[in-house]
Amino acid sequence: MANSTSTSPARIPPWAKKVLPLLVSALILYYYFHDQDWLALWAATRRANLWLAVAAIVLPQVCFWVLDVYLTERTMVWFHGPFPLKNYFWVRGAIYILSIVNYGLSGGGVLLYLQRRGQISWRKLFGILLFRLGLAMWAIVLFLIPATLAMHYYGLAEKAKINLWVWWALLIFGLGWMIEAWFVWHHHLHFGLSKIVVRDRESEFWTAFRLATRGQWLWTGFLSLAPLLFFLLGYYALTWAFDVKVPFWLFMAVSPLAMLIVDLPIAFSGFGTATLAWMTFFGDYGSPEDIAALSLFLPMVTALCRALIGLVSLRPALADLATLSSPPAAAALPAPALESEKA
């Protein structure tokens, strides 16, 4: 009787995973730049207000770093226990170096640090992260609705290269889900999607939703929206620095989608995806050379900014990480008391 052998499914080699983002960037850039007039591209770069362009990229990145760290510390303290703001500030900065090469690796590093430094269960940590993500999405919806209405009011809707029926359906769905969640968690009702999603309100996973006050909901939403607004205003200044004159309200309504494409983890540090996003949504508002120069300048300066933040943060971050690798004490650590302060 022949021996049956089980074959393990084929896996993507590690080297292929590393090369794939470079390949995607190269293919996108080749598509847009294979017949590029490089002298015209250089002339467009020289015409640009580069000081304004650098400030428009660097300042929002620094604001995001600071506010993201602060919001992380607040949510950990509110729903779990003491968490070192200063230590995490440097560690989060150092992890920016990883985000240049691999978004997944940098995200995994952040999660592992939060879990080990906070001595928190994975279930509870993911619940806190879902709370932040949900409030961020709802805050963005509340911003996009008036921005889209303003785009319609100024007659710019027909120029937006998006399906407005789908766009409005998503916004209305997000608004409705936000209202439902508010009643579910603050008025102890149980209806709609919550019947499917929230099976056990007392589960550790739902700790953040269950314990958060109204003020903490609003503060979390505000701190999640503020970095996005900084990025939108910064990128709007960037377009004008390269003489790409996009109408303000059209840019405010559409650019979050463009930013999502730029940050897709399929390309190397945004090279290629930035060109794809700007050419797709704002190609009618500047010359091909101006938009091409902008789309190369944006990921380059972003990567340099993140590298600089990482290098500045590396020494204190490594000192803090060294304490995580030390063996734990023999006695079990007491569970940190839950802070009941309000936002």
Protein backbone atom coordinates (compact mmCIF):
# COMPACT_ATOMS: atom_id res chain seq x y z
CA MET A 1 0.00 0.00 0.00
CA ALA A 2 1.55 3.27 -1.09
CA ASN A 3 2.39 5.77 1.60
CA SER A 4 0.39 8.97 1.28
CA THR A 5 2.44 12.10 1.69
CA SER A 6 0.93 15.44 2.55
CA THR A 7 2.29 18.41 0.68
CA SER A 8 2.31 21.80 2.33
CA PRO A 9 0.83 24.63 0.28
CA ALA A 10 3.30 26.74 -1.62
CA ARG A 11 4.31 29.91 0.13
CA ILE A 12 5.64 33.15 -1.27
CA PRO A 13 9.40 33.29 -0.59
CA PRO A 14 10.46 36.07 1.82
CA TRP A 15 12.64 37.69 -0.84
CA ALA A 16 9.63 37.93 -3.19
CA LYS A 17 7.60 39.74 -0.54
CA LYS A 18 10.41 42.28 -0.20
CA VAL A 19 10.81 42.76 -3.95
CA LEU A 20 7.07 42.99 -4.74
CA PRO A 21 6.56 46.62 -3.51
CA LEU A 22 9.60 47.71 -5.51
CA LEU A 23 8.23 45.94 -8.57
CA VAL A 24 4.79 47.56 -8.17
CA SER A 25 6.37 51.02 -7.81
CA ALA A 26 8.56 50.41 -10.84
CA LEU A 27 5.63 49.29 -13.01
CA ILE A 28 3.43 52.26 -12.06
CA LEU A 29 6.26 54.74 -12.55
CA TYR A 30 7.16 53.19 -15.90
CA TYR A 31 3.55 53.52 -17.04
CA TYR A 32 3.48 57.23 -16.27
CA PHE A 33 7.09 58.18 -17.00
CA HIS A 34 8.27 55.99 -19.89
CA ASP A 35 7.80 58.85 -22.36
CA GLN A 36 8.39 61.68 -19.91
CA ASP A 37 10.18 64.85 -21.03
CA TRP A 38 12.76 64.94 -18.25
CA LEU A 39 13.91 68.46 -19.04
CA ALA A 40 10.32 69.68 -18.66
CA LEU A 41 10.02 67.72 -15.42
CA TRP A 42 13.17 69.35 -14.05
CA ALA A 43 11.92 72.76 -15.12
CA ALA A 44 8.64 72.13 -13.28
CA THR A 45 10.57 71.19 -10.15
CA ARG A 46 12.66 74.36 -10.35
CA ARG A 47 9.53 76.50 -10.76
CA ALA A 48 7.93 75.04 -7.66
CA ASN A 49 8.06 76.74 -4.27
CA LEU A 50 10.13 74.00 -2.67
CA TRP A 51 10.29 75.59 0.80
CA LEU A 52 6.49 75.70 0.94
CA ALA A 53 6.34 72.15 -0.42
CA VAL A 54 8.71 70.80 2.24
CA ALA A 55 6.82 72.56 5.05
CA ALA A 56 3.50 71.26 3.65
CA ILE A 57 4.77 67.67 3.99
CA VAL A 58 6.90 67.82 7.14
CA LEU A 59 4.64 69.82 9.48
CA PRO A 60 1.57 67.52 9.10
CA GLN A 61 3.81 64.48 9.57
CA VAL A 62 5.17 65.86 12.85
CA CYS A 63 1.65 66.81 14.00
CA PHE A 64 0.45 63.29 13.24
CA TRP A 65 3.34 61.80 15.25
CA VAL A 66 2.57 63.92 18.31
CA LEU A 67 -1.23 63.54 18.24
CA ASP A 68 -1.14 59.82 17.47
CA VAL A 69 1.14 59.19 20.45
CA TYR A 70 -1.00 61.33 22.74
CA LEU A 71 -4.24 59.62 21.68
CA THR A 72 -2.66 56.18 22.14
CA GLU A 73 -1.58 57.09 25.68
CA ARG A 74 -5.03 58.48 26.53
CA THR A 75 -6.95 55.43 25.32
CA MET A 76 -4.57 53.04 27.11
CA VAL A 77 -4.97 54.98 30.36
CA TRP A 78 -8.74 55.32 30.04
CA PHE A 79 -9.45 51.69 29.34
CA HIS A 80 -6.53 49.76 30.84
CA GLY A 81 -4.00 51.44 33.08
CA PRO A 82 -0.85 53.62 33.27
CA PHE A 83 1.11 53.91 30.04
CA PRO A 84 4.41 55.81 29.51
CA LEU A 85 3.77 58.70 27.14
CA LYS A 86 7.41 59.79 26.81
CA ASN A 87 8.73 56.29 26.19
CA TYR A 88 6.13 55.55 23.54
CA PHE A 89 6.80 58.91 21.88
CA TRP A 90 10.38 57.85 21.08
CA VAL A 91 9.48 54.27 20.19
CA ARG A 92 6.75 55.40 17.79
CA GLY A 93 9.20 57.81 16.20
CA ALA A 94 11.83 55.10 15.74
CA ILE A 95 9.30 52.77 14.10
CA TYR A 96 8.88 55.33 11.30
CA ILE A 97 12.10 53.91 9.87
CA LEU A 98 10.36 50.56 9.39
CA SER A 99 7.34 52.20 7.74
CA ILE A 100 9.57 53.41 4.90
CA VAL A 101 10.32 49.83 3.91
CA ASN A 102 7.40 47.76 5.20
CA TYR A 103 4.08 49.07 6.52
CA GLY A 104 3.12 45.68 7.90
CA LEU A 105 6.33 45.32 9.87
CA SER A 106 5.99 48.80 11.37
CA GLY A 107 2.36 48.18 12.33
CA GLY A 108 3.28 44.87 13.91
CA GLY A 109 6.05 46.56 15.87
CA VAL A 110 3.62 49.12 17.27
CA LEU A 111 1.13 46.40 18.31
CA LEU A 112 3.81 44.29 19.98
CA TYR A 113 5.15 47.27 21.93
CA LEU A 114 1.68 48.30 23.13
CA GLN A 115 0.89 44.77 24.25
CA ARG A 116 4.14 44.20 26.12
CA ARG A 117 4.63 47.66 27.60
CA GLY A 118 0.98 47.95 28.63
CA GLN A 119 0.80 44.31 29.83
CA ILE A 120 -2.59 44.04 28.17
CA SER A 121 -4.33 41.08 26.60
CA TRP A 122 -4.51 40.97 22.84
CA ARG A 123 -8.30 40.81 22.94
CA LYS A 124 -8.58 43.99 24.98
CA LEU A 125 -5.91 45.77 22.92
CA PHE A 126 -7.66 45.01 19.64
CA GLY A 127 -10.90 46.27 21.15
CA ILE A 128 -9.23 49.58 22.04
CA LEU A 129 -7.80 49.85 18.53
CA LEU A 130 -11.24 49.16 17.04
CA PHE A 131 -12.67 51.91 19.24
CA ARG A 132 -10.09 54.35 17.87
CA LEU A 133 -10.65 53.23 14.29
CA GLY A 134 -14.41 53.51 14.60
CA LEU A 135 -14.30 57.00 16.08
CA ALA A 136 -11.77 58.06 13.43
CA MET A 137 -14.01 56.82 10.60
CA TRP A 138 -17.06 58.51 12.07
CA ALA A 139 -15.19 61.81 12.52
CA ILE A 140 -14.03 61.63 8.90
CA VAL A 141 -17.62 61.01 7.75
CA LEU A 142 -18.81 64.06 9.70
CA PHE A 143 -16.15 66.11 7.91
CA LEU A 144 -16.74 64.68 4.44
CA ILE A 145 -20.50 65.28 4.43
CA PRO A 146 -20.27 69.11 4.61
CA ALA A 147 -17.18 69.07 2.37
CA THR A 148 -19.09 67.12 -0.29
CA LEU A 149 -22.12 69.40 0.07
CA ALA A 150 -19.84 72.40 -0.45
CA MET A 151 -18.39 70.71 -3.53
CA HIS A 152 -21.94 70.37 -4.91
CA TYR A 153 -22.82 73.95 -3.96
CA TYR A 154 -19.88 75.40 -5.89
CA GLY A 155 -20.63 73.30 -8.98
CA LEU A 156 -17.57 71.07 -8.64
CA ALA A 157 -19.30 67.72 -8.22
CA GLU A 158 -19.30 66.89 -11.94
CA LYS A 159 -15.52 67.40 -12.01
CA ALA A 160 -14.88 64.95 -9.17
CA LYS A 161 -13.70 61.66 -10.63
CA ILE A 162 -15.70 59.53 -8.23
CA ASN A 163 -19.08 57.84 -8.40
CA LEU A 164 -21.12 60.23 -6.28
CA TRP A 165 -23.98 57.77 -5.84
CA VAL A 166 -21.60 55.28 -4.21
CA TRP A 167 -19.85 58.11 -2.34
CA TRP A 168 -23.09 59.38 -0.79
CA ALA A 169 -24.24 55.83 0.00
CA LEU A 170 -21.04 55.22 1.97
CA LEU A 171 -21.32 58.55 3.81
CA ILE A 172 -24.97 58.00 4.76
CA PHE A 173 -24.24 54.43 5.84
CA GLY A 174 -21.34 55.65 8.02
CA LEU A 175 -23.48 58.37 9.57
CA GLY A 176 -26.31 55.92 10.28
CA TRP A 177 -23.95 53.41 11.87
CA MET A 178 -22.45 56.16 14.04
CA ILE A 179 -25.90 57.16 15.33
CA GLU A 180 -26.77 53.53 15.98
CA ALA A 181 -23.52 52.93 17.91
CA TRP A 182 -24.15 56.02 20.03
CA PHE A 183 -27.56 54.69 21.11
CA VAL A 184 -26.24 51.17 21.60
CA TRP A 185 -23.41 52.15 23.93
CA HIS A 186 -24.76 55.28 25.63
CA HIS A 187 -28.47 54.43 25.87
CA HIS A 188 -28.10 50.65 26.31
CA LEU A 189 -30.20 49.77 23.29
CA HIS A 190 -29.52 46.76 21.12
CA PHE A 191 -30.72 46.93 17.52
CA GLY A 192 -29.54 47.05 13.92
CA LEU A 193 -26.05 45.83 13.10
CA SER A 194 -25.13 45.71 16.78
CA LYS A 195 -27.23 42.54 17.12
CA ILE A 196 -24.85 40.85 14.69
CA VAL A 197 -21.57 42.49 15.68
CA VAL A 198 -21.92 42.82 19.45
CA ARG A 199 -22.81 39.38 20.77
CA ASP A 200 -21.53 39.88 24.34
CA ARG A 201 -21.34 43.45 25.62
CA GLU A 202 -19.43 42.30 28.72
CA SER A 203 -16.66 40.72 26.67
CA GLU A 204 -13.16 42.06 27.28
CA PHE A 205 -13.00 42.98 23.61
CA TRP A 206 -15.72 45.62 24.06
CA THR A 207 -14.14 47.23 27.15
CA ALA A 208 -13.37 50.54 25.45
CA PHE A 209 -16.86 50.91 23.96
CA ARG A 210 -18.52 49.92 27.22
CA LEU A 211 -16.52 52.18 29.55
CA ALA A 212 -15.97 55.24 27.34
CA THR A 213 -17.81 58.37 28.39
CA ARG A 214 -19.46 60.72 25.91
CA GLY A 215 -16.59 63.14 26.38
CA GLN A 216 -14.05 60.42 25.59
CA TRP A 217 -15.95 59.53 22.42
CA LEU A 218 -15.89 63.16 21.27
CA TRP A 219 -12.27 63.73 22.29
CA THR A 220 -11.14 60.56 20.50
CA GLY A 221 -12.98 61.61 17.35
CA PHE A 222 -11.47 65.09 17.45
CA LEU A 223 -7.91 63.83 18.02
CA SER A 224 -8.38 61.37 15.16
CA LEU A 225 -9.70 63.99 12.76
CA ALA A 226 -7.17 66.73 13.58
CA PRO A 227 -4.14 64.99 11.95
CA LEU A 228 -6.19 64.35 8.81
CA LEU A 229 -7.10 68.03 8.58
CA PHE A 230 -3.43 68.96 8.97
CA PHE A 231 -2.55 66.58 6.14
CA LEU A 232 -5.36 67.89 3.89
CA LEU A 233 -4.35 71.52 4.39
CA GLY A 234 -0.69 70.63 3.97
CA TYR A 235 -1.27 68.69 0.77
CA TYR A 236 -3.47 71.48 -0.55
CA ALA A 237 -0.56 73.89 0.00
CA LEU A 238 1.67 71.32 -1.73
CA THR A 239 -0.49 71.36 -4.85
CA TRP A 240 -0.25 75.15 -5.05
CA ALA A 241 3.50 75.00 -4.47
CA PHE A 242 3.73 72.99 -7.70
CA ASP A 243 1.20 75.19 -9.52
CA VAL A 244 -1.54 72.53 -9.49
CA LYS A 245 -4.63 74.67 -8.89
CA VAL A 246 -7.25 72.28 -7.51
CA PRO A 247 -10.48 73.96 -6.24
CA PHE A 248 -10.46 73.95 -2.44
CA TRP A 249 -13.70 72.08 -1.69
CA LEU A 250 -13.15 69.50 -4.40
CA PHE A 251 -9.72 68.81 -2.89
CA MET A 252 -11.13 68.59 0.64
CA ALA A 253 -13.78 66.08 -0.43
CA VAL A 254 -11.69 63.87 -2.74
CA SER A 255 -8.16 64.02 -1.30
CA PRO A 256 -8.84 61.58 1.59
CA LEU A 257 -9.44 58.93 -1.07
CA ALA A 258 -6.25 60.01 -2.84
CA MET A 259 -4.32 59.79 0.43
CA LEU A 260 -5.67 56.28 0.97
CA ILE A 261 -4.29 55.23 -2.42
CA VAL A 262 -0.91 56.87 -1.72
CA ASP A 263 -0.54 54.92 1.54
CA LEU A 264 -1.52 51.54 0.11
CA PRO A 265 1.14 49.04 1.29
CA ILE A 266 1.56 47.63 -2.23
CA ALA A 267 4.29 50.04 -3.31
CA PHE A 268 7.61 51.17 -1.88
CA SER A 269 7.14 54.21 0.37
CA GLY A 270 4.38 55.68 -1.80
CA PHE A 271 6.42 55.85 -5.02
CA GLY A 272 4.06 55.12 -7.90
CA THR A 273 0.86 55.20 -5.85
CA ALA A 274 1.29 58.97 -5.32
CA THR A 275 1.56 59.45 -9.08
CA LEU A 276 -1.46 57.20 -9.64
CA ALA A 277 -3.58 59.13 -7.12
CA TRP A 278 -2.68 62.63 -8.28
CA MET A 279 -2.94 61.82 -11.97
CA THR A 280 -6.31 60.13 -11.47
CA PHE A 281 -8.08 62.70 -9.30
CA PHE A 282 -6.29 65.98 -10.04
CA GLY A 283 -4.80 65.49 -13.50
CA ASP A 284 -7.02 68.20 -15.00
CA TYR A 285 -5.69 70.99 -12.77
CA GLY A 286 -2.03 71.16 -13.73
CA SER A 287 0.41 70.26 -16.47
CA PRO A 288 1.61 66.65 -16.61
CA GLU A 289 5.10 67.81 -15.68
CA ASP A 290 3.91 69.72 -12.60
CA ILE A 291 1.84 66.78 -11.34
CA ALA A 292 4.64 64.33 -12.10
CA ALA A 293 7.14 66.46 -10.18
CA LEU A 294 4.73 66.76 -7.24
CA SER A 295 4.04 63.02 -7.16
CA LEU A 296 7.75 62.22 -6.99
CA PHE A 297 8.56 64.98 -4.51
CA LEU A 298 5.83 63.90 -2.04
CA PRO A 299 7.00 60.32 -1.29
CA MET A 300 10.68 61.34 -1.39
CA VAL A 301 10.30 64.08 1.25
CA THR A 302 7.89 61.93 3.28
CA ALA A 303 10.45 59.11 3.40
CA LEU A 304 13.26 61.52 4.35
CA CYS A 305 11.09 63.07 7.07
CA ARG A 306 10.22 59.69 8.54
CA ALA A 307 13.85 58.61 8.38
CA LEU A 308 14.92 61.76 10.23
CA ILE A 309 12.24 61.28 12.89
CA GLY A 310 13.35 57.68 13.27
CA LEU A 311 17.03 58.53 13.61
CA VAL A 312 16.34 61.24 16.18
CA SER A 313 14.18 58.83 18.18
CA LEU A 314 16.36 55.75 17.83
CA ARG A 315 18.64 56.10 20.86
CA PRO A 316 15.96 56.71 23.55
CA ALA A 317 13.72 54.13 21.84
CA LEU A 318 16.38 51.43 22.01
CA ALA A 319 16.99 52.24 25.67
CA ASP A 320 13.30 51.70 26.39
CA LEU A 321 13.06 48.57 24.27
CA ALA A 322 15.96 47.06 26.20
CA THR A 323 13.81 47.07 29.33
CA LEU A 324 11.14 45.03 27.54
CA SER A 325 13.58 42.22 26.86
CA SER A 326 14.61 41.90 30.51
CA PRO A 327 13.19 38.83 32.30
CA PRO A 328 9.95 39.46 34.18
CA ALA A 329 9.88 39.58 37.96
CA ALA A 330 9.10 36.37 39.81
CA ALA A 331 6.04 37.82 41.41
CA ALA A 332 3.08 38.55 39.22
CA LEU A 333 2.49 42.20 38.60
CA PRO A 334 -0.78 43.56 39.98
CA ALA A 335 -3.32 44.54 37.38
CA PRO A 336 -3.25 48.32 36.92
CA ALA A 337 -6.24 50.14 38.26
CA LEU A 338 -8.59 51.50 35.67
CA GLU A 339 -8.49 55.27 35.52
CA SER A 340 -11.93 56.79 35.61
CA GLU A 341 -10.96 60.26 34.50
CA LYS A 342 -12.87 61.86 31.69
CA ALA A 343 -11.47 63.43 28.55
